[in-house]
Amino acid sequence: MNRIAGWTLPVAALVLVGLGVRNRRPDPDLEAHARETACGPRSGCVVERPTPLRIERGPFRHRYDFRTSLGTAVVECRREHLLVGPWRCGVEREKVGAPAEAPGRYPADIERSVEP
């Protein structure tokens, strides 16, 4: 019994570290998904630059700042289950020029997901 317990903790730690490292890597598909989410279904909104103004990558989330025709949208993407599962992206907030129909925050009902 002690042998099993002695190996369980190090193996679990290695798995968690591996998942965290995998989540921190750049993912072009996730960035493209975040770019689509920046405007969502809003009419008159266009992403003005193909690349984000700022990127933050961590084991638990990725954040992208996109310049849109309506201002700067901050898109946050997280895994569905902490370190695993599909990515879910939503606009966290709009920094500048938020549209009148959605002041300060984009509705959560447009949240989208992308499979890993």
PDB file of N, CA and C in Angstrom:
ATOM      1  N   MET A   1       0.812  -1.194   0.000  1.00  0.00           N
ATOM      2  CA  MET A   1       0.000   0.000   0.000  1.00  0.00           C
ATOM      3  C   MET A   1       0.859   1.264   0.000  1.00  0.00           C
ATOM      4  N   ASN A   2       1.936   1.283   0.779  1.00  0.00           N
ATOM      5  CA  ASN A   2       2.813   2.449   0.824  1.00  0.00           C
ATOM      6  C   ASN A   2       3.480   2.709  -0.524  1.00  0.00           C
ATOM      7  N   ARG A   3       3.736   1.639  -1.280  1.00  0.00           N
ATOM      8  CA  ARG A   3       4.342   1.805  -2.596  1.00  0.00           C
ATOM      9  C   ARG A   3       3.422   2.567  -3.541  1.00  0.00           C
ATOM     10  N   ILE A   4       2.158   2.196  -3.516  1.00  0.00           N
ATOM     11  CA  ILE A   4       1.187   2.876  -4.376  1.00  0.00           C
ATOM     12  C   ILE A   4       1.050   4.337  -3.971  1.00  0.00           C
ATOM     13  N   ALA A   5       0.928   4.589  -2.696  1.00  0.00           N
ATOM     14  CA  ALA A   5       0.798   5.959  -2.206  1.00  0.00           C
ATOM     15  C   ALA A   5       2.058   6.772  -2.505  1.00  0.00           C
ATOM     16  N   GLY A   6       3.206   6.131  -2.456  1.00  0.00           N
ATOM     17  CA  GLY A   6       4.469   6.824  -2.724  1.00  0.00           C
ATOM     18  C   GLY A   6       4.613   7.263  -4.164  1.00  0.00           C
ATOM     19  N   TRP A   7       3.980   6.572  -5.099  1.00  0.00           N
ATOM     20  CA  TRP A   7       4.062   6.925  -6.520  1.00  0.00           C
ATOM     21  C   TRP A   7       2.902   7.801  -6.982  1.00  0.00           C
ATOM     22  N   THR A   8       1.806   7.769  -6.269  1.00  0.00           N
ATOM     23  CA  THR A   8       0.624   8.502  -6.702  1.00  0.00           C
ATOM     24  C   THR A   8       0.852  10.009  -6.729  1.00  0.00           C
ATOM     25  N   LEU A   9       1.374  10.571  -5.673  1.00  0.00           N
ATOM     26  CA  LEU A   9       1.573  12.014  -5.600  1.00  0.00           C
ATOM     27  C   LEU A   9       2.538  12.519  -6.674  1.00  0.00           C
ATOM     28  N   PRO A  10       3.724  11.919  -6.868  1.00  0.00           N
ATOM     29  CA  PRO A  10       4.617  12.414  -7.915  1.00  0.00           C
ATOM     30  C   PRO A  10       4.022  12.277  -9.326  1.00  0.00           C
ATOM     31  N   VAL A  11       3.318  11.177  -9.578  1.00  0.00           N
ATOM     32  CA  VAL A  11       2.711  10.994 -10.902  1.00  0.00           C
ATOM     33  C   VAL A  11       1.615  12.033 -11.126  1.00  0.00           C
ATOM     34  N   ALA A  12       0.778  12.257 -10.116  1.00  0.00           N
ATOM     35  CA  ALA A  12      -0.280  13.263 -10.234  1.00  0.00           C
ATOM     36  C   ALA A  12       0.315  14.659 -10.441  1.00  0.00           C
ATOM     37  N   ALA A  13       1.389  14.967  -9.739  1.00  0.00           N
ATOM     38  CA  ALA A  13       2.045  16.267  -9.907  1.00  0.00           C
ATOM     39  C   ALA A  13       2.593  16.424 -11.321  1.00  0.00           C
ATOM     40  N   LEU A  14       3.202  15.377 -11.857  1.00  0.00           N
ATOM     41  CA  LEU A  14       3.727  15.443 -13.228  1.00  0.00           C
ATOM     42  C   LEU A  14       2.611  15.633 -14.250  1.00  0.00           C
ATOM     43  N   VAL A  15       1.493  14.962 -14.052  1.00  0.00           N
ATOM     44  CA  VAL A  15       0.356  15.119 -14.965  1.00  0.00           C
ATOM     45  C   VAL A  15      -0.166  16.551 -14.919  1.00  0.00           C
ATOM     46  N   LEU A  16      -0.330  17.120 -13.735  1.00  0.00           N
ATOM     47  CA  LEU A  16      -0.821  18.489 -13.600  1.00  0.00           C
ATOM     48  C   LEU A  16       0.146  19.492 -14.218  1.00  0.00           C
ATOM     49  N   VAL A  17       1.442  19.302 -14.001  1.00  0.00           N
ATOM     50  CA  VAL A  17       2.445  20.189 -14.598  1.00  0.00           C
ATOM     51  C   VAL A  17       2.392  20.076 -16.120  1.00  0.00           C
ATOM     52  N   GLY A  18       2.278  18.863 -16.633  1.00  0.00           N
ATOM     53  CA  GLY A  18       2.190  18.668 -18.083  1.00  0.00           C
ATOM     54  C   GLY A  18       0.979  19.358 -18.684  1.00  0.00           C
ATOM     55  N   LEU A  19      -0.178  19.259 -18.011  1.00  0.00           N
ATOM     56  CA  LEU A  19      -1.374  19.934 -18.498  1.00  0.00           C
ATOM     57  C   LEU A  19      -1.209  21.452 -18.458  1.00  0.00           C
ATOM     58  N   GLY A  20      -0.592  21.955 -17.408  1.00  0.00           N
ATOM     59  CA  GLY A  20      -0.354  23.400 -17.309  1.00  0.00           C
ATOM     60  C   GLY A  20       0.575  23.902 -18.398  1.00  0.00           C
ATOM     61  N   VAL A  21       1.625  23.156 -18.680  1.00  0.00           N
ATOM     62  CA  VAL A  21       2.562  23.546 -19.747  1.00  0.00           C
ATOM     63  C   VAL A  21       1.858  23.515 -21.094  1.00  0.00           C
ATOM     64  N   ARG A  22       1.044  22.488 -21.326  1.00  0.00           N
ATOM     65  CA  ARG A  22       0.308  22.384 -22.594  1.00  0.00           C
ATOM     66  C   ARG A  22      -0.627  23.581 -22.768  1.00  0.00           C
ATOM     67  N   ASN A  23      -1.298  24.003 -21.708  1.00  0.00           N
ATOM     68  CA  ASN A  23      -2.242  25.112 -21.800  1.00  0.00           C
ATOM     69  C   ASN A  23      -1.560  26.457 -22.035  1.00  0.00           C
ATOM     70  N   ARG A  24      -0.303  26.602 -21.654  1.00  0.00           N
ATOM     71  CA  ARG A  24       0.409  27.874 -21.843  1.00  0.00           C
ATOM     72  C   ARG A  24       0.930  28.069 -23.255  1.00  0.00           C
ATOM     73  N   ARG A  25       0.951  27.023 -24.044  1.00  0.00           N
ATOM     74  CA  ARG A  25       1.496  27.120 -25.400  1.00  0.00           C
ATOM     75  C   ARG A  25       0.616  27.993 -26.299  1.00  0.00           C
ATOM     76  N   PRO A  26       1.237  28.666 -27.264  1.00  0.00           N
ATOM     77  CA  PRO A  26       0.443  29.415 -28.254  1.00  0.00           C
ATOM     78  C   PRO A  26      -0.415  28.450 -29.063  1.00  0.00           C
ATOM     79  N   ASP A  27      -1.637  28.838 -29.323  1.00  0.00           N
ATOM     80  CA  ASP A  27      -2.572  28.001 -30.081  1.00  0.00           C
ATOM     81  C   ASP A  27      -3.233  28.863 -31.151  1.00  0.00           C
ATOM     82  N   PRO A  28      -2.816  28.721 -32.408  1.00  0.00           N
ATOM     83  CA  PRO A  28      -3.388  29.555 -33.478  1.00  0.00           C
ATOM     84  C   PRO A  28      -4.899  29.382 -33.632  1.00  0.00           C
ATOM     85  N   ASP A  29      -5.413  28.168 -33.414  1.00  0.00           N
ATOM     86  CA  ASP A  29      -6.856  27.948 -33.519  1.00  0.00           C
ATOM     87  C   ASP A  29      -7.602  28.697 -32.420  1.00  0.00           C
ATOM     88  N   LEU A  30      -7.060  28.690 -31.221  1.00  0.00           N
ATOM     89  CA  LEU A  30      -7.687  29.403 -30.110  1.00  0.00           C
ATOM     90  C   LEU A  30      -7.649  30.913 -30.360  1.00  0.00           C
ATOM     91  N   GLU A  31      -6.537  31.408 -30.882  1.00  0.00           N
ATOM     92  CA  GLU A  31      -6.438  32.840 -31.187  1.00  0.00           C
ATOM     93  C   GLU A  31      -7.462  33.233 -32.251  1.00  0.00           C
ATOM     94  N   ALA A  32      -7.633  32.396 -33.263  1.00  0.00           N
ATOM     95  CA  ALA A  32      -8.633  32.675 -34.306  1.00  0.00           C
ATOM     96  C   ALA A  32     -10.043  32.659 -33.710  1.00  0.00           C
ATOM     97  N   HIS A  33     -10.296  31.722 -32.810  1.00  0.00           N
ATOM     98  CA  HIS A  33     -11.599  31.643 -32.146  1.00  0.00           C
ATOM     99  C   HIS A  33     -11.832  32.902 -31.292  1.00  0.00           C
ATOM    100  N   ALA A  34     -10.807  33.348 -30.587  1.00  0.00           N
ATOM    101  CA  ALA A  34     -10.921  34.566 -29.774  1.00  0.00           C
ATOM    102  C   ALA A  34     -11.173  35.778 -30.669  1.00  0.00           C
ATOM    103  N   ARG A  35     -10.545  35.825 -31.836  1.00  0.00           N
ATOM    104  CA  ARG A  35     -10.743  36.929 -32.783  1.00  0.00           C
ATOM    105  C   ARG A  35     -12.206  36.977 -33.237  1.00  0.00           C
ATOM    106  N   GLU A  36     -12.793  35.811 -33.516  1.00  0.00           N
ATOM    107  CA  GLU A  36     -14.208  35.752 -33.910  1.00  0.00           C
ATOM    108  C   GLU A  36     -15.114  36.196 -32.769  1.00  0.00           C
ATOM    109  N   THR A  37     -14.747  35.847 -31.559  1.00  0.00           N
ATOM    110  CA  THR A  37     -15.554  36.173 -30.388  1.00  0.00           C
ATOM    111  C   THR A  37     -15.501  37.661 -30.059  1.00  0.00           C
ATOM    112  N   ALA A  38     -14.431  38.355 -30.452  1.00  0.00           N
ATOM    113  CA  ALA A  38     -14.257  39.769 -30.112  1.00  0.00           C
ATOM    114  C   ALA A  38     -15.440  40.619 -30.568  1.00  0.00           C
ATOM    115  N   CYS A  39     -15.988  40.342 -31.724  1.00  0.00           N
ATOM    116  CA  CYS A  39     -17.148  41.096 -32.212  1.00  0.00           C
ATOM    117  C   CYS A  39     -18.442  40.332 -32.057  1.00  0.00           C
ATOM    118  N   GLY A  40     -18.371  39.024 -32.192  1.00  0.00           N
ATOM    119  CA  GLY A  40     -19.585  38.227 -32.084  1.00  0.00           C
ATOM    120  C   GLY A  40     -20.595  38.618 -33.150  1.00  0.00           C
ATOM    121  N   PRO A  41     -21.872  38.575 -32.804  1.00  0.00           N
ATOM    122  CA  PRO A  41     -22.914  38.859 -33.789  1.00  0.00           C
ATOM    123  C   PRO A  41     -23.274  40.334 -33.937  1.00  0.00           C
ATOM    124  N   ARG A  42     -22.520  41.221 -33.291  1.00  0.00           N
ATOM    125  CA  ARG A  42     -22.875  42.647 -33.339  1.00  0.00           C
ATOM    126  C   ARG A  42     -22.676  43.214 -34.735  1.00  0.00           C
ATOM    127  N   SER A  43     -23.674  43.912 -35.230  1.00  0.00           N
ATOM    128  CA  SER A  43     -23.562  44.520 -36.552  1.00  0.00           C
ATOM    129  C   SER A  43     -22.660  45.750 -36.478  1.00  0.00           C
ATOM    130  N   GLY A  44     -21.906  45.950 -37.515  1.00  0.00           N
ATOM    131  CA  GLY A  44     -21.014  47.093 -37.584  1.00  0.00           C
ATOM    132  C   GLY A  44     -19.696  46.897 -36.866  1.00  0.00           C
ATOM    133  N   CYS A  45     -19.475  45.754 -36.280  1.00  0.00           N
ATOM    134  CA  CYS A  45     -18.225  45.483 -35.572  1.00  0.00           C
ATOM    135  C   CYS A  45     -17.298  44.680 -36.468  1.00  0.00           C
ATOM    136  N   VAL A  46     -16.080  45.174 -36.599  1.00  0.00           N
ATOM    137  CA  VAL A  46     -15.072  44.515 -37.415  1.00  0.00           C
ATOM    138  C   VAL A  46     -13.758  44.527 -36.635  1.00  0.00           C
ATOM    139  N   VAL A  47     -13.062  43.389 -36.598  1.00  0.00           N
ATOM    140  CA  VAL A  47     -11.741  43.340 -35.977  1.00  0.00           C
ATOM    141  C   VAL A  47     -10.775  44.033 -36.937  1.00  0.00           C
ATOM    142  N   GLU A  48     -10.130  45.096 -36.468  1.00  0.00           N
ATOM    143  CA  GLU A  48      -9.311  45.939 -37.338  1.00  0.00           C
ATOM    144  C   GLU A  48      -7.907  45.408 -37.582  1.00  0.00           C
ATOM    145  N   ARG A  49      -7.369  44.634 -36.662  1.00  0.00           N
ATOM    146  CA  ARG A  49      -6.023  44.062 -36.812  1.00  0.00           C
ATOM    147  C   ARG A  49      -6.109  42.549 -36.719  1.00  0.00           C
ATOM    148  N   PRO A  50      -5.393  41.829 -37.597  1.00  0.00           N
ATOM    149  CA  PRO A  50      -5.444  40.367 -37.522  1.00  0.00           C
ATOM    150  C   PRO A  50      -4.751  39.802 -36.285  1.00  0.00           C
ATOM    151  N   THR A  51      -3.821  40.556 -35.725  1.00  0.00           N
ATOM    152  CA  THR A  51      -3.102  40.088 -34.534  1.00  0.00           C
ATOM    153  C   THR A  51      -3.590  40.864 -33.308  1.00  0.00           C
ATOM    154  N   PRO A  52      -3.604  40.227 -32.150  1.00  0.00           N
ATOM    155  CA  PRO A  52      -4.049  40.915 -30.933  1.00  0.00           C
ATOM    156  C   PRO A  52      -3.078  42.025 -30.530  1.00  0.00           C
ATOM    157  N   LEU A  53      -3.610  43.036 -29.862  1.00  0.00           N
ATOM    158  CA  LEU A  53      -2.770  44.107 -29.324  1.00  0.00           C
ATOM    159  C   LEU A  53      -1.922  43.589 -28.165  1.00  0.00           C
ATOM    160  N   ARG A  54      -2.499  42.668 -27.379  1.00  0.00           N
ATOM    161  CA  ARG A  54      -1.810  42.113 -26.220  1.00  0.00           C
ATOM    162  C   ARG A  54      -2.278  40.682 -26.029  1.00  0.00           C
ATOM    163  N   ILE A  55      -1.349  39.822 -25.603  1.00  0.00           N
ATOM    164  CA  ILE A  55      -1.671  38.419 -25.336  1.00  0.00           C
ATOM    165  C   ILE A  55      -1.127  38.059 -23.957  1.00  0.00           C
ATOM    166  N   GLU A  56      -1.952  37.416 -23.144  1.00  0.00           N
ATOM    167  CA  GLU A  56      -1.514  36.838 -21.875  1.00  0.00           C
ATOM    168  C   GLU A  56      -1.869  35.354 -21.917  1.00  0.00           C
ATOM    169  N   ARG A  57      -0.877  34.512 -21.713  1.00  0.00           N
ATOM    170  CA  ARG A  57      -1.123  33.066 -21.695  1.00  0.00           C
ATOM    171  C   ARG A  57      -0.724  32.510 -20.341  1.00  0.00           C
ATOM    172  N   GLY A  58      -1.585  31.718 -19.775  1.00  0.00           N
ATOM    173  CA  GLY A  58      -1.302  31.063 -18.511  1.00  0.00           C
ATOM    174  C   GLY A  58      -1.861  29.657 -18.538  1.00  0.00           C
ATOM    175  N   PRO A  59      -1.620  28.883 -17.497  1.00  0.00           N
ATOM    176  CA  PRO A  59      -2.127  27.514 -17.478  1.00  0.00           C
ATOM    177  C   PRO A  59      -3.646  27.434 -17.356  1.00  0.00           C
ATOM    178  N   PHE A  60      -4.288  28.486 -16.844  1.00  0.00           N
ATOM    179  CA  PHE A  60      -5.730  28.452 -16.607  1.00  0.00           C
ATOM    180  C   PHE A  60      -6.536  29.302 -17.575  1.00  0.00           C
ATOM    181  N   ARG A  61      -5.911  30.275 -18.233  1.00  0.00           N
ATOM    182  CA  ARG A  61      -6.638  31.133 -19.168  1.00  0.00           C
ATOM    183  C   ARG A  61      -5.687  31.799 -20.159  1.00  0.00           C
ATOM    184  N   HIS A  62      -6.271  32.221 -21.270  1.00  0.00           N
ATOM    185  CA  HIS A  62      -5.589  33.054 -22.249  1.00  0.00           C
ATOM    186  C   HIS A  62      -6.434  34.317 -22.390  1.00  0.00           C
ATOM    187  N   ARG A  63      -5.773  35.469 -22.454  1.00  0.00           N
ATOM    188  CA  ARG A  63      -6.482  36.740 -22.648  1.00  0.00           C
ATOM    189  C   ARG A  63      -5.894  37.435 -23.861  1.00  0.00           C
ATOM    190  N   TYR A  64      -6.776  37.965 -24.687  1.00  0.00           N
ATOM    191  CA  TYR A  64      -6.374  38.661 -25.906  1.00  0.00           C
ATOM    192  C   TYR A  64      -7.082  40.012 -25.949  1.00  0.00           C
ATOM    193  N   ASP A  65      -6.339  41.053 -26.318  1.00  0.00           N
ATOM    194  CA  ASP A  65      -6.931  42.367 -26.560  1.00  0.00           C
ATOM    195  C   ASP A  65      -6.976  42.575 -28.071  1.00  0.00           C
ATOM    196  N   PHE A  66      -8.173  42.781 -28.608  1.00  0.00           N
ATOM    197  CA  PHE A  66      -8.351  43.016 -30.035  1.00  0.00           C
ATOM    198  C   PHE A  66      -8.893  44.412 -30.268  1.00  0.00           C
ATOM    199  N   ARG A  67      -8.339  45.096 -31.243  1.00  0.00           N
ATOM    200  CA  ARG A  67      -8.843  46.405 -31.657  1.00  0.00           C
ATOM    201  C   ARG A  67      -9.980  46.153 -32.638  1.00  0.00           C
ATOM    202  N   THR A  68     -11.169  46.610 -32.276  1.00  0.00           N
ATOM    203  CA  THR A  68     -12.329  46.467 -33.153  1.00  0.00           C
ATOM    204  C   THR A  68     -12.805  47.855 -33.565  1.00  0.00           C
ATOM    205  N   SER A  69     -13.729  47.888 -34.494  1.00  0.00           N
ATOM    206  CA  SER A  69     -14.278  49.174 -34.934  1.00  0.00           C
ATOM    207  C   SER A  69     -15.086  49.849 -33.824  1.00  0.00           C
ATOM    208  N   LEU A  70     -15.457  49.112 -32.787  1.00  0.00           N
ATOM    209  CA  LEU A  70     -16.219  49.659 -31.661  1.00  0.00           C
ATOM    210  C   LEU A  70     -15.365  49.897 -30.424  1.00  0.00           C
ATOM    211  N   GLY A  71     -14.079  49.652 -30.493  1.00  0.00           N
ATOM    212  CA  GLY A  71     -13.189  49.833 -29.350  1.00  0.00           C
ATOM    213  C   GLY A  71     -12.293  48.625 -29.168  1.00  0.00           C
ATOM    214  N   THR A  72     -11.674  48.511 -28.015  1.00  0.00           N
ATOM    215  CA  THR A  72     -10.795  47.387 -27.720  1.00  0.00           C
ATOM    216  C   THR A  72     -11.567  46.365 -26.889  1.00  0.00           C
ATOM    217  N   ALA A  73     -11.671  45.154 -27.423  1.00  0.00           N
ATOM    218  CA  ALA A  73     -12.369  44.077 -26.718  1.00  0.00           C
ATOM    219  C   ALA A  73     -11.344  43.172 -26.059  1.00  0.00           C
ATOM    220  N   VAL A  74     -11.548  42.866 -24.782  1.00  0.00           N
ATOM    221  CA  VAL A  74     -10.695  41.945 -24.049  1.00  0.00           C
ATOM    222  C   VAL A  74     -11.413  40.595 -24.024  1.00  0.00           C
ATOM    223  N   VAL A  75     -10.831  39.619 -24.717  1.00  0.00           N
ATOM    224  CA  VAL A  75     -11.425  38.291 -24.818  1.00  0.00           C
ATOM    225  C   VAL A  75     -10.671  37.353 -23.889  1.00  0.00           C
ATOM    226  N   GLU A  76     -11.400  36.654 -23.041  1.00  0.00           N
ATOM    227  CA  GLU A  76     -10.793  35.695 -22.125  1.00  0.00           C
ATOM    228  C   GLU A  76     -11.256  34.293 -22.489  1.00  0.00           C
ATOM    229  N   CYS A  77     -10.306  33.372 -22.605  1.00  0.00           N
ATOM    230  CA  CYS A  77     -10.609  31.981 -22.919  1.00  0.00           C
ATOM    231  C   CYS A  77     -10.119  31.105 -21.773  1.00  0.00           C
ATOM    232  N   ARG A  78     -10.981  30.202 -21.346  1.00  0.00           N
ATOM    233  CA  ARG A  78     -10.664  29.258 -20.262  1.00  0.00           C
ATOM    234  C   ARG A  78     -11.072  27.861 -20.686  1.00  0.00           C
ATOM    235  N   ARG A  79     -10.410  26.873 -20.094  1.00  0.00           N
ATOM    236  CA  ARG A  79     -10.802  25.486 -20.304  1.00  0.00           C
ATOM    237  C   ARG A  79     -12.110  25.230 -19.550  1.00  0.00           C
ATOM    238  N   GLU A  80     -12.892  24.324 -20.061  1.00  0.00           N
ATOM    239  CA  GLU A  80     -14.175  24.018 -19.429  1.00  0.00           C
ATOM    240  C   GLU A  80     -13.999  23.428 -18.034  1.00  0.00           C
ATOM    241  N   HIS A  81     -13.001  22.569 -17.849  1.00  0.00           N
ATOM    242  CA  HIS A  81     -12.769  21.920 -16.556  1.00  0.00           C
ATOM    243  C   HIS A  81     -11.346  22.195 -16.080  1.00  0.00           C
ATOM    244  N   LEU A  82     -11.101  23.359 -15.571  1.00  0.00           N
ATOM    245  CA  LEU A  82      -9.818  23.789 -15.016  1.00  0.00           C
ATOM    246  C   LEU A  82      -8.666  23.636 -16.002  1.00  0.00           C
ATOM    247  N   LEU A  83      -8.070  22.460 -16.146  1.00  0.00           N
ATOM    248  CA  LEU A  83      -6.924  22.275 -17.039  1.00  0.00           C
ATOM    249  C   LEU A  83      -7.245  21.446 -18.276  1.00  0.00           C
ATOM    250  N   VAL A  84      -8.447  20.916 -18.376  1.00  0.00           N
ATOM    251  CA  VAL A  84      -8.819  20.053 -19.501  1.00  0.00           C
ATOM    252  C   VAL A  84     -10.177  20.469 -20.057  1.00  0.00           C
ATOM    253  N   GLY A  85     -10.508  19.917 -21.207  1.00  0.00           N
ATOM    254  CA  GLY A  85     -11.787  20.187 -21.845  1.00  0.00           C
ATOM    255  C   GLY A  85     -11.650  21.232 -22.927  1.00  0.00           C
ATOM    256  N   PRO A  86     -12.750  21.514 -23.602  1.00  0.00           N
ATOM    257  CA  PRO A  86     -12.712  22.507 -24.672  1.00  0.00           C
ATOM    258  C   PRO A  86     -12.516  23.911 -24.092  1.00  0.00           C
ATOM    259  N   TRP A  87     -11.947  24.784 -24.912  1.00  0.00           N
ATOM    260  CA  TRP A  87     -11.775  26.185 -24.526  1.00  0.00           C
ATOM    261  C   TRP A  87     -13.109  26.897 -24.692  1.00  0.00           C
ATOM    262  N   ARG A  88     -13.438  27.772 -23.769  1.00  0.00           N
ATOM    263  CA  ARG A  88     -14.619  28.633 -23.844  1.00  0.00           C
ATOM    264  C   ARG A  88     -14.130  30.078 -23.824  1.00  0.00           C
ATOM    265  N   CYS A  89     -14.583  30.844 -24.792  1.00  0.00           N
ATOM    266  CA  CYS A  89     -14.158  32.236 -24.903  1.00  0.00           C
ATOM    267  C   CYS A  89     -15.354  33.165 -24.769  1.00  0.00           C
ATOM    268  N   GLY A  90     -15.122  34.292 -24.148  1.00  0.00           N
ATOM    269  CA  GLY A  90     -16.144  35.326 -24.028  1.00  0.00           C
ATOM    270  C   GLY A  90     -15.471  36.673 -23.883  1.00  0.00           C
ATOM    271  N   VAL A  91     -16.157  37.729 -24.267  1.00  0.00           N
ATOM    272  CA  VAL A  91     -15.613  39.067 -24.121  1.00  0.00           C
ATOM    273  C   VAL A  91     -15.735  39.458 -22.664  1.00  0.00           C
ATOM    274  N   GLU A  92     -14.587  39.703 -22.049  1.00  0.00           N
ATOM    275  CA  GLU A  92     -14.569  40.061 -20.631  1.00  0.00           C
ATOM    276  C   GLU A  92     -15.060  41.484 -20.425  1.00  0.00           C
ATOM    277  N   ARG A  93     -14.523  42.384 -21.224  1.00  0.00           N
ATOM    278  CA  ARG A  93     -14.955  43.791 -21.126  1.00  0.00           C
ATOM    279  C   ARG A  93     -14.481  44.520 -22.379  1.00  0.00           C
ATOM    280  N   GLU A  94     -15.055  45.663 -22.571  1.00  0.00           N
ATOM    281  CA  GLU A  94     -14.645  46.523 -23.667  1.00  0.00           C
ATOM    282  C   GLU A  94     -13.964  47.725 -23.051  1.00  0.00           C
ATOM    283  N   LYS A  95     -12.775  48.025 -23.507  1.00  0.00           N
ATOM    284  CA  LYS A  95     -11.991  49.087 -22.883  1.00  0.00           C
ATOM    285  C   LYS A  95     -12.382  50.481 -23.354  1.00  0.00           C
ATOM    286  N   VAL A  96     -12.606  50.622 -24.661  1.00  0.00           N
ATOM    287  CA  VAL A  96     -12.848  51.944 -25.214  1.00  0.00           C
ATOM    288  C   VAL A  96     -14.015  51.848 -26.182  1.00  0.00           C
ATOM    289  N   GLY A  97     -14.883  52.813 -26.143  1.00  0.00           N
ATOM    290  CA  GLY A  97     -15.942  52.898 -27.134  1.00  0.00           C
ATOM    291  C   GLY A  97     -16.941  51.759 -27.075  1.00  0.00           C
ATOM    292  N   ALA A  98     -17.374  51.365 -25.884  1.00  0.00           N
ATOM    293  CA  ALA A  98     -18.375  50.303 -25.782  1.00  0.00           C
ATOM    294  C   ALA A  98     -19.652  50.766 -26.457  1.00  0.00           C
ATOM    295  N   PRO A  99     -20.310  49.896 -27.214  1.00  0.00           N
ATOM    296  CA  PRO A  99     -21.530  50.293 -27.910  1.00  0.00           C
ATOM    297  C   PRO A  99     -22.654  50.619 -26.923  1.00  0.00           C
ATOM    298  N   ALA A 100     -23.580  51.465 -27.347  1.00  0.00           N
ATOM    299  CA  ALA A 100     -24.656  51.915 -26.465  1.00  0.00           C
ATOM    300  C   ALA A 100     -25.543  50.765 -26.016  1.00  0.00           C
ATOM    301  N   GLU A 101     -25.747  49.749 -26.885  1.00  0.00           N
ATOM    302  CA  GLU A 101     -26.641  48.667 -26.512  1.00  0.00           C
ATOM    303  C   GLU A 101     -26.013  47.676 -25.535  1.00  0.00           C
ATOM    304  N   ALA A 102     -24.702  47.726 -25.328  1.00  0.00           N
ATOM    305  CA  ALA A 102     -24.041  46.817 -24.390  1.00  0.00           C
ATOM    306  C   ALA A 102     -22.944  47.562 -23.643  1.00  0.00           C
ATOM    307  N   PRO A 103     -23.301  48.525 -22.800  1.00  0.00           N
ATOM    308  CA  PRO A 103     -22.267  49.326 -22.145  1.00  0.00           C
ATOM    309  C   PRO A 103     -21.418  48.532 -21.157  1.00  0.00           C
ATOM    310  N   GLY A 104     -20.130  48.552 -21.390  1.00  0.00           N
ATOM    311  CA  GLY A 104     -19.182  47.993 -20.431  1.00  0.00           C
ATOM    312  C   GLY A 104     -18.951  46.507 -20.481  1.00  0.00           C
ATOM    313  N   ARG A 105     -19.916  45.710 -20.915  1.00  0.00           N
ATOM    314  CA  ARG A 105     -19.724  44.258 -20.901  1.00  0.00           C
ATOM    315  C   ARG A 105     -20.556  43.634 -22.006  1.00  0.00           C
ATOM    316  N   TYR A 106     -19.979  42.651 -22.631  1.00  0.00           N
ATOM    317  CA  TYR A 106     -20.644  41.928 -23.702  1.00  0.00           C
ATOM    318  C   TYR A 106     -21.511  40.842 -23.086  1.00  0.00           C
ATOM    319  N   PRO A 107     -22.692  40.584 -23.584  1.00  0.00           N
ATOM    320  CA  PRO A 107     -23.567  39.575 -22.980  1.00  0.00           C
ATOM    321  C   PRO A 107     -22.926  38.197 -22.940  1.00  0.00           C
ATOM    322  N   ALA A 108     -23.147  37.484 -21.859  1.00  0.00           N
ATOM    323  CA  ALA A 108     -22.527  36.164 -21.675  1.00  0.00           C
ATOM    324  C   ALA A 108     -23.152  35.103 -22.575  1.00  0.00           C
ATOM    325  N   ASP A 109     -24.337  35.369 -23.133  1.00  0.00           N
ATOM    326  CA  ASP A 109     -25.004  34.348 -23.923  1.00  0.00           C
ATOM    327  C   ASP A 109     -24.340  34.092 -25.277  1.00  0.00           C
ATOM    328  N   ILE A 110     -23.324  34.866 -25.660  1.00  0.00           N
ATOM    329  CA  ILE A 110     -22.642  34.603 -26.906  1.00  0.00           C
ATOM    330  C   ILE A 110     -21.351  33.820 -26.680  1.00  0.00           C
ATOM    331  N   GLU A 111     -21.136  33.350 -25.469  1.00  0.00           N
ATOM    332  CA  GLU A 111     -19.932  32.582 -25.173  1.00  0.00           C
ATOM    333  C   GLU A 111     -19.841  31.385 -26.118  1.00  0.00           C
ATOM    334  N   ARG A 112     -18.674  31.147 -26.664  1.00  0.00           N
ATOM    335  CA  ARG A 112     -18.485  30.064 -27.611  1.00  0.00           C
ATOM    336  C   ARG A 112     -17.399  29.155 -27.099  1.00  0.00           C
ATOM    337  N   SER A 113     -17.326  27.960 -27.661  1.00  0.00           N
ATOM    338  CA  SER A 113     -16.277  27.031 -27.255  1.00  0.00           C
ATOM    339  C   SER A 113     -15.583  26.480 -28.481  1.00  0.00           C
ATOM    340  N   VAL A 114     -14.356  26.008 -28.282  1.00  0.00           N
ATOM    341  CA  VAL A 114     -13.587  25.379 -29.340  1.00  0.00           C
ATOM    342  C   VAL A 114     -13.007  24.094 -28.765  1.00  0.00           C
ATOM    343  N   GLU A 115     -13.116  23.022 -29.508  1.00  0.00           N
ATOM    344  CA  GLU A 115     -12.596  21.728 -29.048  1.00  0.00           C
ATOM    345  C   GLU A 115     -11.074  21.734 -29.130  1.00  0.00           C
ATOM    346  N   PRO A 116     -10.383  21.045 -28.183  1.00  0.00           N
ATOM    347  CA  PRO A 116      -8.919  21.014 -28.221  1.00  0.00           C
ATOM    348  C   PRO A 116      -8.401  20.196 -29.388  1.00  0.00           C
TER     349      PRO A 116
END
